[in-house]
């Protein structure tokens, strides 16, 4: 599937099919035991990605790429950063705007659109948590190249790791496509992503950080330094 088709599929899912689910998942509202593991896994991954940044981000301009309901955006702004939170879902952006504490409004700009849009400007750091998990290696390489060219520091992002369980789920999803389910995650190994960068002639250093595996949440943290 092409980048544009995947982008459209993800937008439809999060803006129309799963808005209420994600609004609840990213709040303090009670959820099922399965979704509770996803919530705790996402909390752990968010803390991991934030740990890669200075505690004091005063003056830094940061892109929260695929900001969703704005949890990462709020924490970055609390550390003093000037944050651009971008997401392709207007519904999730609306939730993020409503949840942002009033004392942080002056530090945050929310935008609806593609994270790789050059009009978003230049950044000191970029975080893309679980927003590239549906894309091919070639597409991820192109996004990293586009964002990295405008980033002075590093880009931290996540991918679905190539575990036996996720690969089985991926193959099952390929056999039984359904328009009402979540877009299918594309599992990646760090070595394959490095090859995708080389094939796309994207320069930079890519390294694997820690994997978070908690119940139904499995995600691999990565760091790209242009």
N, C-alpha and C. Protein backbone atom coordinates (compact mmCIF):
# COMPACT_ATOMS: atom_id res chain seq x y z
N UNK A 1 0.85 -1.20 0.00
CA UNK A 1 0.00 0.00 0.00
C UNK A 1 0.88 1.24 0.00
N UNK A 2 0.53 2.26 -0.79
CA UNK A 2 1.33 3.47 -0.87
C UNK A 2 1.19 4.30 0.40
N UNK A 3 2.12 5.24 0.58
CA UNK A 3 2.09 6.11 1.76
C UNK A 3 0.77 6.86 1.85
N UNK A 4 0.32 7.43 0.72
CA UNK A 4 -0.91 8.22 0.73
C UNK A 4 -2.13 7.38 1.08
N UNK A 5 -2.18 6.15 0.56
CA UNK A 5 -3.32 5.28 0.87
C UNK A 5 -3.31 4.85 2.33
N UNK A 6 -2.13 4.57 2.87
CA UNK A 6 -2.04 4.22 4.28
C UNK A 6 -2.44 5.40 5.15
N UNK A 7 -1.97 6.59 4.78
CA UNK A 7 -2.31 7.80 5.52
C UNK A 7 -3.83 8.00 5.55
N UNK A 8 -4.48 7.81 4.40
CA UNK A 8 -5.93 7.97 4.33
C UNK A 8 -6.65 6.93 5.19
N UNK A 9 -6.13 5.70 5.18
CA UNK A 9 -6.73 4.63 5.97
C UNK A 9 -6.62 4.93 7.46
N UNK A 10 -5.45 5.39 7.89
CA UNK A 10 -5.24 5.73 9.30
C UNK A 10 -6.13 6.90 9.71
N UNK A 11 -6.23 7.89 8.84
CA UNK A 11 -7.08 9.06 9.13
C UNK A 11 -8.53 8.64 9.32
N UNK A 12 -9.04 7.80 8.42
CA UNK A 12 -10.43 7.34 8.52
C UNK A 12 -10.66 6.59 9.81
N UNK A 13 -9.72 5.72 10.17
CA UNK A 13 -9.88 4.92 11.38
C UNK A 13 -9.93 5.79 12.63
N UNK A 14 -8.95 6.67 12.79
CA UNK A 14 -8.87 7.45 14.02
C UNK A 14 -9.86 8.60 14.07
N UNK A 15 -10.27 9.10 12.90
CA UNK A 15 -11.18 10.25 12.91
C UNK A 15 -12.64 9.85 12.89
N UNK A 16 -12.94 8.61 12.48
CA UNK A 16 -14.34 8.21 12.37
C UNK A 16 -14.67 6.95 13.16
N UNK A 17 -13.83 5.93 13.06
CA UNK A 17 -14.15 4.64 13.67
C UNK A 17 -13.79 4.56 15.15
N UNK A 18 -12.61 5.08 15.51
CA UNK A 18 -12.07 4.80 16.85
C UNK A 18 -11.91 6.03 17.74
N UNK A 19 -12.52 7.14 17.38
CA UNK A 19 -12.33 8.37 18.17
C UNK A 19 -12.72 8.17 19.64
N UNK A 20 -13.91 7.62 19.87
CA UNK A 20 -14.38 7.45 21.25
C UNK A 20 -13.52 6.46 22.01
N UNK A 21 -13.07 5.41 21.32
CA UNK A 21 -12.20 4.42 21.96
C UNK A 21 -10.91 5.07 22.43
N UNK A 22 -10.29 5.89 21.57
CA UNK A 22 -9.03 6.52 21.93
C UNK A 22 -9.22 7.65 22.94
N UNK A 23 -10.34 8.30 22.89
CA UNK A 23 -10.63 9.33 23.89
C UNK A 23 -10.69 8.70 25.28
N UNK A 24 -11.31 7.54 25.37
CA UNK A 24 -11.43 6.84 26.65
C UNK A 24 -10.09 6.23 27.08
N UNK A 25 -9.39 5.63 26.12
CA UNK A 25 -8.11 4.98 26.42
C UNK A 25 -7.09 5.98 26.95
N UNK A 26 -7.11 7.20 26.45
CA UNK A 26 -6.13 8.21 26.84
C UNK A 26 -6.62 9.09 27.99
N UNK A 27 -7.66 8.62 28.68
CA UNK A 27 -8.17 9.34 29.84
C UNK A 27 -7.99 8.47 31.08
N UNK A 28 -8.63 8.87 32.18
CA UNK A 28 -8.59 8.07 33.41
C UNK A 28 -9.84 7.19 33.54
N UNK A 29 -10.66 7.15 32.51
CA UNK A 29 -11.91 6.38 32.56
C UNK A 29 -11.62 4.88 32.63
N UNK A 30 -12.48 4.12 33.29
CA UNK A 30 -12.29 2.66 33.36
C UNK A 30 -12.32 2.04 31.95
N UNK A 31 -11.46 1.07 31.72
CA UNK A 31 -11.42 0.36 30.45
C UNK A 31 -11.29 -1.13 30.73
N UNK A 32 -11.42 -1.95 29.70
CA UNK A 32 -11.30 -3.40 29.86
C UNK A 32 -9.87 -3.76 30.27
N UNK A 33 -9.68 -4.99 30.73
CA UNK A 33 -8.35 -5.44 31.14
C UNK A 33 -7.37 -5.41 29.97
N UNK A 34 -7.86 -5.75 28.78
CA UNK A 34 -6.99 -5.72 27.60
C UNK A 34 -6.54 -4.29 27.32
N UNK A 35 -7.49 -3.37 27.31
CA UNK A 35 -7.14 -1.97 27.02
C UNK A 35 -6.33 -1.34 28.14
N UNK A 36 -6.49 -1.86 29.36
CA UNK A 36 -5.67 -1.37 30.47
C UNK A 36 -4.20 -1.68 30.24
N UNK A 37 -3.89 -2.85 29.66
CA UNK A 37 -2.49 -3.17 29.36
C UNK A 37 -1.96 -2.24 28.26
N UNK A 38 -2.81 -1.91 27.30
CA UNK A 38 -2.40 -0.97 26.25
C UNK A 38 -2.14 0.40 26.85
N UNK A 39 -3.01 0.84 27.74
CA UNK A 39 -2.84 2.14 28.39
C UNK A 39 -1.53 2.19 29.18
N UNK A 40 -1.27 1.14 29.96
CA UNK A 40 -0.04 1.13 30.77
C UNK A 40 1.20 1.00 29.89
N UNK A 41 1.08 0.24 28.80
CA UNK A 41 2.20 0.13 27.87
C UNK A 41 2.51 1.47 27.21
N UNK A 42 1.49 2.18 26.81
CA UNK A 42 1.69 3.50 26.20
C UNK A 42 2.29 4.48 27.20
N UNK A 43 1.85 4.40 28.45
CA UNK A 43 2.43 5.27 29.49
C UNK A 43 3.92 5.00 29.64
N UNK A 44 4.28 3.71 29.64
CA UNK A 44 5.69 3.34 29.79
C UNK A 44 6.51 3.79 28.57
N UNK A 45 5.95 3.63 27.38
CA UNK A 45 6.67 4.06 26.18
C UNK A 45 6.82 5.59 26.15
N UNK A 46 5.78 6.29 26.53
CA UNK A 46 5.87 7.75 26.56
C UNK A 46 6.97 8.21 27.51
N UNK A 47 7.05 7.58 28.67
CA UNK A 47 8.10 7.93 29.63
C UNK A 47 9.48 7.61 29.06
N UNK A 48 9.60 6.50 28.33
CA UNK A 48 10.88 6.13 27.72
C UNK A 48 11.32 7.16 26.70
N UNK A 49 10.42 7.57 25.82
CA UNK A 49 10.78 8.55 24.80
C UNK A 49 11.11 9.91 25.42
N UNK A 50 10.36 10.28 26.45
CA UNK A 50 10.65 11.55 27.13
C UNK A 50 12.00 11.52 27.82
N UNK A 51 12.43 10.33 28.26
CA UNK A 51 13.72 10.21 28.95
C UNK A 51 14.90 10.49 28.01
N UNK A 52 14.66 10.47 26.71
CA UNK A 52 15.71 10.75 25.73
C UNK A 52 15.92 12.24 25.52
N UNK A 53 15.09 13.06 26.17
CA UNK A 53 15.17 14.51 26.03
C UNK A 53 15.63 15.15 27.34
N UNK A 54 16.20 16.35 27.27
CA UNK A 54 16.58 17.04 28.51
C UNK A 54 15.36 17.29 29.39
N UNK A 55 15.57 17.31 30.70
CA UNK A 55 14.48 17.60 31.62
C UNK A 55 13.96 19.03 31.42
N UNK A 56 14.88 19.95 31.16
CA UNK A 56 14.51 21.35 30.92
C UNK A 56 14.55 21.60 29.42
N UNK A 57 13.39 21.81 28.84
CA UNK A 57 13.28 22.03 27.39
C UNK A 57 12.94 23.47 27.05
N UNK A 58 13.20 24.36 27.99
CA UNK A 58 12.91 25.76 27.76
C UNK A 58 13.61 26.27 26.50
N UNK A 59 12.82 26.84 25.60
CA UNK A 59 13.36 27.39 24.36
C UNK A 59 13.43 26.41 23.21
N UNK A 60 13.29 25.10 23.48
CA UNK A 60 13.37 24.10 22.42
C UNK A 60 12.04 24.04 21.67
N UNK A 61 12.14 23.84 20.36
CA UNK A 61 10.94 23.67 19.53
C UNK A 61 10.84 22.20 19.14
N UNK A 62 9.73 21.57 19.51
CA UNK A 62 9.59 20.12 19.36
C UNK A 62 8.33 19.79 18.57
N UNK A 63 8.45 18.81 17.68
CA UNK A 63 7.30 18.31 16.93
C UNK A 63 6.79 17.04 17.59
N UNK A 64 5.54 17.05 18.01
CA UNK A 64 4.87 15.84 18.48
C UNK A 64 4.10 15.31 17.27
N UNK A 65 4.73 14.39 16.56
CA UNK A 65 4.22 13.91 15.27
C UNK A 65 3.22 12.78 15.48
N UNK A 66 1.97 13.04 15.17
CA UNK A 66 0.91 12.09 15.48
C UNK A 66 0.53 12.24 16.94
N UNK A 67 0.19 13.47 17.33
CA UNK A 67 0.01 13.80 18.75
C UNK A 67 -1.24 13.18 19.37
N UNK A 68 -2.20 12.75 18.53
CA UNK A 68 -3.40 12.14 19.08
C UNK A 68 -4.12 13.04 20.06
N UNK A 69 -4.45 12.50 21.24
CA UNK A 69 -5.20 13.25 22.24
C UNK A 69 -4.33 14.17 23.08
N UNK A 70 -3.03 14.26 22.76
CA UNK A 70 -2.19 15.31 23.32
C UNK A 70 -1.47 15.02 24.62
N UNK A 71 -1.37 13.76 25.04
CA UNK A 71 -0.68 13.48 26.31
C UNK A 71 0.80 13.85 26.24
N UNK A 72 1.47 13.45 25.16
CA UNK A 72 2.88 13.79 24.99
C UNK A 72 3.07 15.30 24.84
N UNK A 73 2.19 15.92 24.09
CA UNK A 73 2.26 17.36 23.86
C UNK A 73 2.26 18.11 25.18
N UNK A 74 1.35 17.74 26.06
CA UNK A 74 1.21 18.40 27.35
C UNK A 74 2.47 18.23 28.20
N UNK A 75 3.05 17.04 28.20
CA UNK A 75 4.25 16.81 29.01
C UNK A 75 5.44 17.57 28.47
N UNK A 76 5.56 17.66 27.16
CA UNK A 76 6.66 18.44 26.56
C UNK A 76 6.53 19.91 26.90
N UNK A 77 5.32 20.43 26.81
CA UNK A 77 5.09 21.84 27.13
C UNK A 77 5.34 22.13 28.60
N UNK A 78 5.00 21.16 29.46
CA UNK A 78 5.24 21.32 30.90
C UNK A 78 6.73 21.47 31.19
N UNK A 79 7.57 20.84 30.37
CA UNK A 79 9.03 20.95 30.53
C UNK A 79 9.57 22.25 29.95
N UNK A 80 8.71 23.06 29.37
CA UNK A 80 9.15 24.35 28.86
C UNK A 80 9.28 24.45 27.36
N UNK A 81 9.02 23.38 26.63
CA UNK A 81 9.19 23.39 25.17
C UNK A 81 8.09 24.16 24.48
N UNK A 82 8.42 24.65 23.30
CA UNK A 82 7.41 25.16 22.37
C UNK A 82 7.06 23.99 21.45
N UNK A 83 5.82 23.56 21.50
CA UNK A 83 5.43 22.30 20.86
C UNK A 83 4.47 22.52 19.70
N UNK A 84 4.75 21.82 18.61
CA UNK A 84 3.79 21.72 17.51
C UNK A 84 3.23 20.31 17.56
N UNK A 85 1.94 20.19 17.86
CA UNK A 85 1.28 18.89 17.89
C UNK A 85 0.50 18.72 16.61
N UNK A 86 0.90 17.77 15.79
CA UNK A 86 0.24 17.56 14.50
C UNK A 86 -0.38 16.17 14.44
N UNK A 87 -1.56 16.09 13.87
CA UNK A 87 -2.23 14.81 13.70
C UNK A 87 -3.16 14.91 12.50
N UNK A 88 -3.38 13.78 11.82
CA UNK A 88 -4.25 13.78 10.65
C UNK A 88 -5.72 13.71 11.03
N UNK A 89 -6.02 13.48 12.31
CA UNK A 89 -7.40 13.36 12.76
C UNK A 89 -7.90 14.65 13.41
N UNK A 90 -8.82 15.37 12.77
CA UNK A 90 -9.38 16.58 13.39
C UNK A 90 -10.07 16.28 14.72
N UNK A 91 -10.69 15.09 14.83
CA UNK A 91 -11.40 14.75 16.07
C UNK A 91 -10.43 14.61 17.24
N UNK A 92 -9.28 13.98 17.01
CA UNK A 92 -8.30 13.84 18.09
C UNK A 92 -7.65 15.17 18.42
N UNK A 93 -7.41 16.00 17.42
CA UNK A 93 -6.87 17.34 17.68
C UNK A 93 -7.84 18.13 18.55
N UNK A 94 -9.13 18.00 18.29
CA UNK A 94 -10.14 18.70 19.10
C UNK A 94 -10.07 18.24 20.55
N UNK A 95 -9.91 16.93 20.76
CA UNK A 95 -9.79 16.41 22.13
C UNK A 95 -8.53 16.97 22.79
N UNK A 96 -7.41 16.96 22.05
CA UNK A 96 -6.15 17.46 22.60
C UNK A 96 -6.25 18.93 22.99
N UNK A 97 -6.89 19.73 22.18
CA UNK A 97 -7.04 21.15 22.48
C UNK A 97 -7.88 21.37 23.74
N UNK A 98 -8.93 20.60 23.89
CA UNK A 98 -9.80 20.75 25.05
C UNK A 98 -9.12 20.30 26.34
N UNK A 99 -8.22 19.31 26.23
CA UNK A 99 -7.56 18.78 27.42
C UNK A 99 -6.33 19.58 27.84
N UNK A 100 -5.76 20.34 26.95
CA UNK A 100 -4.52 21.05 27.28
C UNK A 100 -4.77 22.07 28.40
N UNK A 101 -4.01 21.99 29.50
CA UNK A 101 -4.17 22.97 30.58
C UNK A 101 -4.00 24.39 30.07
N UNK A 102 -4.81 25.29 30.58
CA UNK A 102 -4.83 26.66 30.07
C UNK A 102 -3.48 27.35 30.20
N UNK A 103 -2.71 26.98 31.23
CA UNK A 103 -1.41 27.62 31.43
C UNK A 103 -0.37 27.20 30.39
N UNK A 104 -0.70 26.19 29.57
CA UNK A 104 0.24 25.71 28.55
C UNK A 104 -0.15 26.18 27.14
N UNK A 105 -1.27 26.85 27.01
CA UNK A 105 -1.77 27.23 25.69
C UNK A 105 -0.77 28.06 24.89
N UNK A 106 -0.04 28.92 25.55
CA UNK A 106 0.89 29.80 24.84
C UNK A 106 2.09 29.06 24.28
N UNK A 107 2.32 27.83 24.74
CA UNK A 107 3.49 27.06 24.29
C UNK A 107 3.15 26.02 23.22
N UNK A 108 1.89 25.88 22.88
CA UNK A 108 1.48 24.79 21.99
C UNK A 108 0.69 25.30 20.78
N UNK A 109 1.03 24.77 19.63
CA UNK A 109 0.25 24.98 18.41
C UNK A 109 -0.18 23.61 17.90
N UNK A 110 -1.49 23.41 17.78
CA UNK A 110 -2.01 22.18 17.22
C UNK A 110 -2.32 22.37 15.75
N UNK A 111 -1.97 21.37 14.94
CA UNK A 111 -2.18 21.44 13.50
C UNK A 111 -2.78 20.13 13.01
N UNK A 112 -3.66 20.21 12.04
CA UNK A 112 -4.23 19.04 11.39
C UNK A 112 -3.47 18.82 10.09
N UNK A 113 -2.87 17.64 9.92
CA UNK A 113 -2.15 17.38 8.69
C UNK A 113 -1.11 16.29 8.82
N UNK A 114 -0.23 16.23 7.82
CA UNK A 114 0.81 15.22 7.71
C UNK A 114 2.04 15.67 8.49
N UNK A 115 2.59 14.76 9.29
CA UNK A 115 3.76 15.08 10.11
C UNK A 115 4.98 15.52 9.30
N UNK A 116 5.06 15.09 8.04
CA UNK A 116 6.24 15.41 7.21
C UNK A 116 6.07 16.69 6.41
N UNK A 117 4.99 17.41 6.62
CA UNK A 117 4.73 18.66 5.90
C UNK A 117 5.82 19.69 6.21
N UNK A 118 6.57 20.16 5.20
CA UNK A 118 7.66 21.11 5.46
C UNK A 118 7.19 22.45 6.01
N UNK A 119 5.92 22.78 5.84
CA UNK A 119 5.42 24.06 6.35
C UNK A 119 5.38 24.11 7.87
N UNK A 120 5.54 22.96 8.52
CA UNK A 120 5.57 22.93 9.99
C UNK A 120 6.85 23.56 10.53
N UNK A 121 7.88 23.67 9.68
CA UNK A 121 9.10 24.36 10.07
C UNK A 121 10.20 23.46 10.60
N UNK A 122 11.14 24.08 11.33
CA UNK A 122 12.31 23.38 11.85
C UNK A 122 12.14 23.10 13.34
N UNK A 123 12.84 22.04 13.79
CA UNK A 123 12.68 21.60 15.17
C UNK A 123 14.02 21.22 15.79
N UNK A 124 14.04 21.26 17.13
CA UNK A 124 15.20 20.75 17.86
C UNK A 124 15.09 19.25 18.05
N UNK A 125 13.88 18.77 18.31
CA UNK A 125 13.63 17.34 18.48
C UNK A 125 12.27 16.99 17.89
N UNK A 126 12.13 15.72 17.57
CA UNK A 126 10.84 15.20 17.08
C UNK A 126 10.54 13.91 17.82
N UNK A 127 9.28 13.75 18.24
CA UNK A 127 8.81 12.50 18.81
C UNK A 127 7.61 12.02 17.99
N UNK A 128 7.67 10.78 17.56
CA UNK A 128 6.56 10.17 16.80
C UNK A 128 6.22 8.83 17.46
N UNK A 129 5.42 8.88 18.49
CA UNK A 129 5.09 7.68 19.25
C UNK A 129 3.91 6.95 18.64
N UNK A 130 4.15 5.74 18.16
CA UNK A 130 3.13 4.86 17.60
C UNK A 130 2.37 5.48 16.43
N UNK A 131 2.99 6.43 15.74
CA UNK A 131 2.34 7.05 14.59
C UNK A 131 2.92 6.60 13.25
N UNK A 132 3.98 5.76 13.30
CA UNK A 132 4.55 5.22 12.07
C UNK A 132 4.41 3.71 11.99
N UNK A 133 3.61 3.14 12.87
CA UNK A 133 3.55 1.68 12.98
C UNK A 133 2.78 1.01 11.86
N UNK A 134 2.11 1.79 11.02
CA UNK A 134 1.32 1.21 9.93
C UNK A 134 2.02 1.31 8.57
N UNK A 135 3.25 1.80 8.56
CA UNK A 135 3.91 2.12 7.29
C UNK A 135 5.04 1.14 6.95
N UNK A 136 5.33 1.05 5.67
CA UNK A 136 6.43 0.20 5.19
C UNK A 136 7.77 0.82 5.56
N UNK A 137 8.83 0.02 5.44
CA UNK A 137 10.17 0.53 5.72
C UNK A 137 10.54 1.69 4.81
N UNK A 138 10.19 1.57 3.53
CA UNK A 138 10.50 2.64 2.58
C UNK A 138 9.77 3.93 2.94
N UNK A 139 8.51 3.81 3.37
CA UNK A 139 7.75 5.00 3.77
C UNK A 139 8.32 5.63 5.03
N UNK A 140 8.71 4.80 5.99
CA UNK A 140 9.31 5.33 7.22
C UNK A 140 10.61 6.06 6.89
N UNK A 141 11.40 5.48 6.00
CA UNK A 141 12.66 6.12 5.59
C UNK A 141 12.40 7.50 4.99
N UNK A 142 11.39 7.60 4.14
CA UNK A 142 11.08 8.88 3.51
C UNK A 142 10.61 9.91 4.54
N UNK A 143 9.80 9.46 5.51
CA UNK A 143 9.34 10.38 6.56
C UNK A 143 10.52 10.85 7.41
N UNK A 144 11.40 9.92 7.79
CA UNK A 144 12.57 10.29 8.58
C UNK A 144 13.47 11.25 7.81
N UNK A 145 13.60 11.02 6.50
CA UNK A 145 14.41 11.91 5.69
C UNK A 145 13.82 13.31 5.64
N UNK A 146 12.49 13.39 5.46
CA UNK A 146 11.82 14.69 5.37
C UNK A 146 11.87 15.45 6.69
N UNK A 147 11.60 14.73 7.79
CA UNK A 147 11.60 15.38 9.10
C UNK A 147 13.04 15.65 9.57
N UNK A 148 13.92 14.67 9.35
CA UNK A 148 15.30 14.81 9.79
C UNK A 148 16.01 15.99 9.18
N UNK A 149 15.66 16.32 7.94
CA UNK A 149 16.29 17.45 7.26
C UNK A 149 15.98 18.77 7.95
N UNK A 150 14.95 18.77 8.78
CA UNK A 150 14.54 20.00 9.47
C UNK A 150 14.68 19.89 10.99
N UNK A 151 15.49 18.90 11.43
CA UNK A 151 15.66 18.67 12.87
C UNK A 151 17.13 18.74 13.24
N UNK A 152 17.46 19.57 14.23
CA UNK A 152 18.86 19.73 14.63
C UNK A 152 19.30 18.64 15.60
N UNK A 153 18.36 18.07 16.35
CA UNK A 153 18.67 17.01 17.29
C UNK A 153 18.28 15.66 16.72
N UNK A 154 17.63 14.82 17.54
CA UNK A 154 17.25 13.50 17.07
C UNK A 154 15.74 13.34 16.96
N UNK A 155 15.37 12.29 16.22
CA UNK A 155 13.97 11.92 16.03
C UNK A 155 13.74 10.60 16.76
N UNK A 156 12.87 10.61 17.75
CA UNK A 156 12.52 9.38 18.46
C UNK A 156 11.16 8.90 17.99
N UNK A 157 11.09 7.62 17.62
CA UNK A 157 9.83 7.09 17.11
C UNK A 157 9.71 5.63 17.52
N UNK A 158 8.59 5.03 17.21
CA UNK A 158 8.36 3.63 17.55
C UNK A 158 7.91 2.85 16.32
N UNK A 159 8.20 1.55 16.35
CA UNK A 159 7.71 0.63 15.32
C UNK A 159 7.20 -0.62 16.02
N UNK A 160 6.41 -1.40 15.28
CA UNK A 160 6.01 -2.71 15.78
C UNK A 160 7.15 -3.68 15.52
N UNK A 161 7.67 -4.34 16.53
CA UNK A 161 8.81 -5.25 16.33
C UNK A 161 8.39 -6.54 15.64
N UNK A 162 9.34 -7.20 15.01
CA UNK A 162 9.06 -8.46 14.31
C UNK A 162 9.11 -9.63 15.29
N UNK A 163 8.10 -9.74 16.14
CA UNK A 163 7.99 -10.88 17.04
C UNK A 163 7.10 -11.94 16.39
N UNK A 164 7.22 -13.21 16.80
CA UNK A 164 6.36 -14.26 16.21
C UNK A 164 4.88 -13.95 16.34
N UNK A 165 4.45 -13.39 17.49
CA UNK A 165 3.04 -13.08 17.69
C UNK A 165 2.57 -12.00 16.73
N UNK A 166 3.34 -10.91 16.63
CA UNK A 166 2.93 -9.82 15.75
C UNK A 166 2.98 -10.23 14.29
N UNK A 167 3.95 -11.06 13.92
CA UNK A 167 4.02 -11.52 12.54
C UNK A 167 2.80 -12.40 12.21
N UNK A 168 2.37 -13.22 13.17
CA UNK A 168 1.18 -14.06 12.94
C UNK A 168 -0.05 -13.19 12.78
N UNK A 169 -0.17 -12.15 13.62
CA UNK A 169 -1.30 -11.24 13.53
C UNK A 169 -1.28 -10.49 12.21
N UNK A 170 -0.07 -10.10 11.78
CA UNK A 170 0.06 -9.37 10.51
C UNK A 170 -0.39 -10.25 9.35
N UNK A 171 0.03 -11.50 9.33
CA UNK A 171 -0.35 -12.41 8.24
C UNK A 171 -1.86 -12.65 8.24
N UNK A 172 -2.44 -12.77 9.44
CA UNK A 172 -3.88 -12.97 9.53
C UNK A 172 -4.63 -11.76 8.99
N UNK A 173 -4.11 -10.58 9.32
CA UNK A 173 -4.74 -9.36 8.83
C UNK A 173 -4.67 -9.25 7.32
N UNK A 174 -3.58 -9.75 6.73
CA UNK A 174 -3.44 -9.73 5.28
C UNK A 174 -4.46 -10.66 4.61
N UNK A 175 -4.80 -11.75 5.28
CA UNK A 175 -5.74 -12.70 4.71
C UNK A 175 -7.19 -12.26 4.85
N UNK A 176 -7.48 -11.54 5.91
CA UNK A 176 -8.86 -11.15 6.17
C UNK A 176 -8.97 -9.63 6.35
N UNK A 177 -8.81 -8.88 5.27
CA UNK A 177 -8.92 -7.42 5.38
C UNK A 177 -10.35 -6.99 5.68
N UNK A 178 -10.49 -6.03 6.57
CA UNK A 178 -11.81 -5.49 6.90
C UNK A 178 -11.67 -4.00 7.09
N UNK A 179 -12.60 -3.24 6.52
CA UNK A 179 -12.50 -1.78 6.58
C UNK A 179 -12.84 -1.22 7.95
N UNK A 180 -13.48 -2.02 8.82
CA UNK A 180 -13.88 -1.48 10.11
C UNK A 180 -12.88 -1.78 11.22
N UNK A 181 -11.77 -2.42 10.91
CA UNK A 181 -10.77 -2.72 11.93
C UNK A 181 -9.63 -1.72 11.83
N UNK A 182 -8.79 -1.74 12.82
CA UNK A 182 -7.63 -0.86 12.80
C UNK A 182 -6.75 -1.18 11.59
N UNK A 183 -6.11 -0.15 11.02
CA UNK A 183 -5.13 -0.43 9.96
C UNK A 183 -4.09 -1.41 10.48
N UNK A 184 -3.62 -2.29 9.62
CA UNK A 184 -2.70 -3.34 10.04
C UNK A 184 -1.30 -2.80 10.32
N UNK A 185 -0.77 -3.11 11.51
CA UNK A 185 0.60 -2.72 11.82
C UNK A 185 1.57 -3.48 10.93
N UNK A 186 2.65 -2.83 10.55
CA UNK A 186 3.69 -3.47 9.73
C UNK A 186 4.91 -3.70 10.62
N UNK A 187 5.21 -4.95 10.97
CA UNK A 187 6.35 -5.23 11.85
C UNK A 187 7.69 -4.92 11.17
N UNK A 188 8.65 -4.43 11.96
CA UNK A 188 9.97 -4.09 11.42
C UNK A 188 11.07 -4.56 12.36
N UNK A 189 12.18 -4.95 11.78
CA UNK A 189 13.40 -5.20 12.53
C UNK A 189 14.34 -4.02 12.29
N UNK A 190 15.10 -3.59 13.31
CA UNK A 190 16.01 -2.45 13.13
C UNK A 190 16.94 -2.59 11.94
N UNK A 191 17.46 -3.79 11.69
CA UNK A 191 18.39 -3.98 10.57
C UNK A 191 17.70 -3.70 9.24
N UNK A 192 16.45 -4.11 9.11
CA UNK A 192 15.71 -3.86 7.87
C UNK A 192 15.42 -2.38 7.69
N UNK A 193 15.14 -1.69 8.78
CA UNK A 193 14.92 -0.25 8.67
C UNK A 193 16.20 0.46 8.24
N UNK A 194 17.33 0.01 8.76
CA UNK A 194 18.61 0.59 8.33
C UNK A 194 18.83 0.38 6.84
N UNK A 195 18.47 -0.80 6.34
CA UNK A 195 18.61 -1.06 4.91
C UNK A 195 17.67 -0.16 4.10
N UNK A 196 16.48 0.05 4.62
CA UNK A 196 15.53 0.93 3.93
C UNK A 196 16.07 2.36 3.84
N UNK A 197 16.73 2.81 4.89
CA UNK A 197 17.35 4.14 4.87
C UNK A 197 18.45 4.20 3.82
N UNK A 198 19.29 3.17 3.78
CA UNK A 198 20.37 3.14 2.79
C UNK A 198 19.84 3.11 1.37
N UNK A 199 18.81 2.32 1.14
CA UNK A 199 18.22 2.22 -0.19
C UNK A 199 17.56 3.52 -0.62
N UNK A 200 17.06 4.26 0.35
CA UNK A 200 16.43 5.55 0.05
C UNK A 200 17.43 6.69 0.05
N UNK A 201 18.71 6.36 0.32
CA UNK A 201 19.79 7.34 0.37
C UNK A 201 19.54 8.42 1.41
N UNK A 202 18.95 7.98 2.54
CA UNK A 202 18.73 8.88 3.67
C UNK A 202 19.92 8.75 4.62
N UNK A 203 20.60 9.83 4.86
CA UNK A 203 21.78 9.79 5.72
C UNK A 203 21.40 10.05 7.17
N UNK A 204 22.07 9.31 8.05
CA UNK A 204 21.82 9.48 9.47
C UNK A 204 22.11 8.20 10.23
N UNK A 205 22.06 8.29 11.55
CA UNK A 205 22.34 7.14 12.41
C UNK A 205 21.04 6.65 13.03
N UNK A 206 20.73 5.39 12.84
CA UNK A 206 19.52 4.79 13.39
C UNK A 206 19.90 3.73 14.41
N UNK A 207 19.34 3.81 15.60
CA UNK A 207 19.64 2.80 16.60
C UNK A 207 18.38 2.40 17.36
N UNK A 208 18.36 1.16 17.79
CA UNK A 208 17.24 0.64 18.56
C UNK A 208 17.43 0.99 20.03
N UNK A 209 16.37 1.43 20.67
CA UNK A 209 16.37 1.69 22.10
C UNK A 209 15.72 0.49 22.78
N UNK A 210 14.89 0.72 23.75
CA UNK A 210 14.28 -0.39 24.49
C UNK A 210 12.92 -0.75 23.90
N UNK A 211 12.54 -2.01 24.04
CA UNK A 211 11.22 -2.47 23.63
C UNK A 211 10.30 -2.48 24.85
N UNK A 212 9.08 -2.04 24.67
CA UNK A 212 8.07 -2.11 25.72
C UNK A 212 7.07 -3.19 25.34
N UNK A 213 6.95 -4.20 26.19
CA UNK A 213 6.03 -5.30 25.95
C UNK A 213 5.21 -5.52 27.21
N UNK A 214 3.96 -5.10 27.15
CA UNK A 214 3.10 -5.17 28.32
C UNK A 214 1.70 -5.60 27.88
N UNK A 215 1.38 -6.86 28.10
CA UNK A 215 0.07 -7.35 27.69
C UNK A 215 -0.13 -7.25 26.19
N UNK A 216 -1.13 -6.49 25.80
CA UNK A 216 -1.46 -6.33 24.39
C UNK A 216 -0.76 -5.13 23.75
N UNK A 217 0.19 -4.54 24.47
CA UNK A 217 0.98 -3.44 23.89
C UNK A 217 2.41 -3.91 23.69
N UNK A 218 2.86 -3.90 22.43
CA UNK A 218 4.24 -4.27 22.11
C UNK A 218 4.78 -3.24 21.13
N UNK A 219 5.83 -2.53 21.51
CA UNK A 219 6.35 -1.49 20.65
C UNK A 219 7.85 -1.31 20.88
N UNK A 220 8.57 -1.03 19.81
CA UNK A 220 10.02 -0.86 19.85
C UNK A 220 10.38 0.60 19.66
N UNK A 221 11.11 1.15 20.62
CA UNK A 221 11.55 2.54 20.52
C UNK A 221 12.81 2.63 19.66
N UNK A 222 12.88 3.65 18.80
CA UNK A 222 14.00 3.87 17.91
C UNK A 222 14.46 5.32 18.02
N UNK A 223 15.71 5.55 17.63
CA UNK A 223 16.22 6.93 17.62
C UNK A 223 17.00 7.16 16.33
N UNK A 224 16.62 8.20 15.60
CA UNK A 224 17.26 8.56 14.35
C UNK A 224 17.92 9.92 14.51
N UNK A 225 19.23 9.96 14.26
CA UNK A 225 19.97 11.23 14.32
C UNK A 225 20.43 11.59 12.92
N UNK A 226 19.87 12.64 12.35
CA UNK A 226 20.22 13.03 10.97
C UNK A 226 21.70 13.38 10.84
